[in-house]
Amino acid sequence: EFLSKVFSQNRTFKSVKIKTGRGGDITDIDVLCILGSKALCVQVKSKKLTLLSRKGNDAALKNDFKGAVQDAYDQGILARKRILAKDAIYFDETGKQIVLSEKIDDVYIAVITAEEFPALSSQLRSLLNRKSGDPFPIAFNIFDLELLCHYLPDPYDFLYYVRQRIALTDY
């Protein structure tokens, strides 16, 4: 709902299934927002931070990070690759095919957690397993998403912010 206020109802799709021509592989995206030739692939996880993690247990923190961020990122990377391969067919939550007006040339990945996950942006640099050449995601909780949508209601400003945050993750 937050993202549809920014991108509009007709450019925001929930529970998107992506099928490719190669054997009919299927990938899921929780929310897909389209703006021209750019896409925002949003993966939402409800994994909560355990008490052990909150107390500073490294093993528990890594496990919670995997369930809350890494798994969503891996899903997002798979969807990104399928979208950029340009042979994908998209279906919305009702099973209706989504027809895009332009080919997608860039896909940003957003990982949304259901609750507060302290120091998430710094943990992306140290805990995220990603291959060389794969982009970082932008990661934050649902409350921060609501704030971003409120203060950046223009889709161009919103995607510019996302792109800049991703580009500057190492800094």
Protein backbone atom coordinates (compact mmCIF):
# COMPACT_ATOMS: atom_id res chain seq x y z
CA GLU A 1 0.00 0.00 0.00
CA PHE A 2 2.82 2.42 0.83
CA LEU A 3 4.58 1.84 -2.47
CA SER A 4 1.39 2.08 -4.53
CA LYS A 5 0.95 5.62 -3.18
CA VAL A 6 4.37 6.48 -4.61
CA PHE A 7 4.39 4.49 -7.86
CA SER A 8 0.57 4.39 -8.42
CA GLN A 9 -1.69 1.35 -8.47
CA ASN A 10 -1.08 0.55 -12.13
CA ARG A 11 2.74 0.38 -11.69
CA THR A 12 2.80 -1.54 -8.38
CA PHE A 13 2.22 -5.28 -8.44
CA LYS A 14 1.91 -7.64 -5.46
CA SER A 15 2.85 -11.33 -5.38
CA VAL A 16 4.37 -11.32 -8.86
CA LYS A 17 5.35 -14.60 -10.46
CA ILE A 18 8.03 -14.56 -13.13
CA LYS A 19 8.14 -17.37 -15.66
CA THR A 20 10.98 -17.80 -18.08
CA GLY A 21 10.97 -19.52 -21.42
CA ARG A 22 13.60 -21.97 -20.27
CA GLY A 23 11.54 -24.78 -18.82
CA GLY A 24 8.98 -22.53 -17.19
CA ASP A 25 11.04 -21.68 -14.11
CA ILE A 26 9.05 -19.61 -11.63
CA THR A 27 10.35 -16.90 -9.32
CA ASP A 28 8.32 -14.87 -6.82
CA ILE A 29 8.53 -11.17 -6.01
CA ASP A 30 6.56 -9.81 -3.06
CA VAL A 31 6.14 -6.35 -4.61
CA LEU A 32 7.32 -5.15 -8.03
CA CYS A 33 7.30 -1.44 -8.81
CA ILE A 34 7.93 -0.26 -12.36
CA LEU A 35 9.02 3.21 -13.44
CA GLY A 36 9.89 3.38 -17.13
CA SER A 37 12.82 1.05 -17.71
CA LYS A 38 13.62 0.70 -13.99
CA ALA A 39 12.17 -1.80 -11.54
CA LEU A 40 12.17 -2.06 -7.77
CA CYS A 41 12.01 -5.65 -6.57
CA VAL A 42 10.82 -5.70 -2.95
CA GLN A 43 11.21 -8.82 -0.83
CA VAL A 44 9.57 -8.80 2.60
CA LYS A 45 10.59 -11.04 5.50
CA SER A 46 8.97 -11.35 8.90
CA LYS A 47 11.93 -13.01 10.67
CA LYS A 48 12.35 -11.39 14.06
CA LEU A 49 15.56 -10.67 15.90
CA THR A 50 15.96 -13.26 18.67
CA LEU A 51 16.78 -12.41 22.25
CA LEU A 52 20.25 -13.97 21.87
CA SER A 53 20.97 -11.64 18.96
CA ARG A 54 19.82 -8.63 20.94
CA LYS A 55 22.24 -9.64 23.70
CA GLY A 56 25.16 -9.74 21.24
CA ASN A 57 25.52 -13.43 20.37
CA ASP A 58 27.33 -13.44 16.98
CA ALA A 59 26.11 -16.86 15.86
CA ALA A 60 22.49 -15.95 16.62
CA LEU A 61 22.89 -12.57 14.87
CA LYS A 62 24.27 -14.23 11.74
CA ASN A 63 21.43 -16.75 11.78
CA ASP A 64 18.81 -14.02 12.21
CA PHE A 65 20.46 -11.94 9.46
CA LYS A 66 20.29 -14.93 7.13
CA GLY A 67 16.59 -15.43 7.78
CA ALA A 68 15.67 -11.75 7.64
CA VAL A 69 17.97 -10.34 4.96
CA GLN A 70 20.13 -12.91 3.16
CA ASP A 71 17.23 -15.12 2.08
CA ALA A 72 15.28 -12.10 0.79
CA TYR A 73 18.38 -10.82 -1.02
CA ASP A 74 18.96 -14.19 -2.67
CA GLN A 75 15.34 -14.19 -3.89
CA GLY A 76 15.79 -10.65 -5.17
CA ILE A 77 19.00 -11.52 -7.06
CA LEU A 78 17.30 -14.47 -8.74
CA ALA A 79 14.35 -12.29 -9.76
CA ARG A 80 16.72 -9.56 -10.96
CA LYS A 81 18.60 -12.00 -13.19
CA ARG A 82 15.37 -13.33 -14.67
CA ILE A 83 14.06 -9.82 -15.34
CA LEU A 84 17.29 -8.61 -16.95
CA ALA A 85 17.47 -11.73 -19.15
CA LYS A 86 14.53 -10.11 -20.98
CA ASP A 87 12.76 -13.40 -21.69
CA ALA A 88 10.48 -13.33 -18.67
CA ILE A 89 6.68 -13.28 -18.52
CA TYR A 90 5.13 -11.62 -15.48
CA PHE A 91 1.88 -12.51 -13.71
CA ASP A 92 0.15 -10.56 -10.95
CA GLU A 93 -1.48 -11.99 -7.83
CA THR A 94 -4.64 -12.89 -9.76
CA GLY A 95 -2.71 -14.75 -12.47
CA LYS A 96 -3.22 -12.02 -15.06
CA GLN A 97 -0.20 -11.33 -17.29
CA ILE A 98 1.54 -8.02 -16.70
CA VAL A 99 2.53 -6.30 -19.93
CA LEU A 100 5.32 -3.75 -19.59
CA SER A 101 5.53 -0.73 -21.89
CA GLU A 102 9.36 -0.86 -21.95
CA LYS A 103 12.08 -3.41 -21.39
CA ILE A 104 13.60 -3.26 -17.92
CA ASP A 105 17.29 -2.30 -17.98
CA ASP A 106 17.95 -2.02 -14.24
CA VAL A 107 16.47 -3.69 -11.16
CA TYR A 108 16.99 -2.40 -7.63
CA ILE A 109 16.51 -4.84 -4.77
CA ALA A 110 14.83 -3.76 -1.54
CA VAL A 111 14.72 -6.00 1.53
CA ILE A 112 12.04 -5.08 4.05
CA THR A 113 11.97 -6.55 7.55
CA ALA A 114 8.81 -6.67 9.63
CA GLU A 115 10.48 -5.28 12.74
CA GLU A 116 13.47 -3.18 13.77
CA PHE A 117 16.81 -4.77 12.91
CA PRO A 118 19.49 -2.54 14.51
CA ALA A 119 22.50 -1.41 12.44
CA LEU A 120 21.14 -3.11 9.34
CA SER A 121 22.94 -0.90 6.82
CA SER A 122 26.33 -1.61 8.41
CA GLN A 123 25.54 -5.32 8.66
CA LEU A 124 24.93 -5.41 4.91
CA ARG A 125 28.62 -4.67 4.33
CA SER A 126 29.88 -7.28 6.78
CA LEU A 127 27.33 -10.12 6.78
CA LEU A 128 25.78 -10.16 3.30
CA ASN A 129 27.04 -12.95 1.04
CA ARG A 130 27.01 -11.66 -2.51
CA LYS A 131 28.88 -12.51 -5.66
CA SER A 132 31.24 -10.06 -7.29
CA GLY A 133 29.27 -7.84 -9.62
CA ASP A 134 25.95 -8.36 -7.84
CA PRO A 135 24.53 -5.13 -6.42
CA PHE A 136 23.85 -4.46 -2.79
CA PRO A 137 20.21 -4.20 -1.78
CA ILE A 138 18.67 -1.40 0.18
CA ALA A 139 17.40 -2.83 3.47
CA PHE A 140 15.17 -1.35 6.14
CA ASN A 141 12.11 -2.12 8.23
CA ILE A 142 8.47 -1.48 7.40
CA PHE A 143 8.35 1.66 9.54
CA ASP A 144 11.26 3.18 7.59
CA LEU A 145 9.50 2.27 4.34
CA GLU A 146 6.43 4.16 5.50
CA LEU A 147 8.59 7.21 6.30
CA LEU A 148 10.34 7.06 2.93
CA CYS A 149 7.04 6.85 1.09
CA HIS A 150 5.71 9.80 3.06
CA TYR A 151 8.74 12.06 2.49
CA LEU A 152 9.52 10.91 -1.07
CA PRO A 153 6.08 10.68 -2.71
CA ASP A 154 7.47 11.26 -6.21
CA PRO A 155 8.54 7.94 -7.82
CA TYR A 156 11.57 9.54 -9.50
CA ASP A 157 12.82 10.96 -6.19
CA PHE A 158 12.12 7.64 -4.47
CA LEU A 159 14.08 5.58 -7.02
CA TYR A 160 16.90 8.15 -7.05
CA TYR A 161 17.17 7.78 -3.27
CA VAL A 162 17.20 3.98 -3.56
CA ARG A 163 19.85 4.08 -6.31
CA GLN A 164 22.07 6.42 -4.28
CA ARG A 165 21.76 4.34 -1.10
CA ILE A 166 22.70 1.21 -3.04
CA ALA A 167 25.62 2.92 -4.78
CA LEU A 168 26.96 4.27 -1.47
CA THR A 169 26.52 1.13 0.67
CA ASP A 170 30.29 0.67 0.94
CA TYR A 171 30.66 4.19 2.28
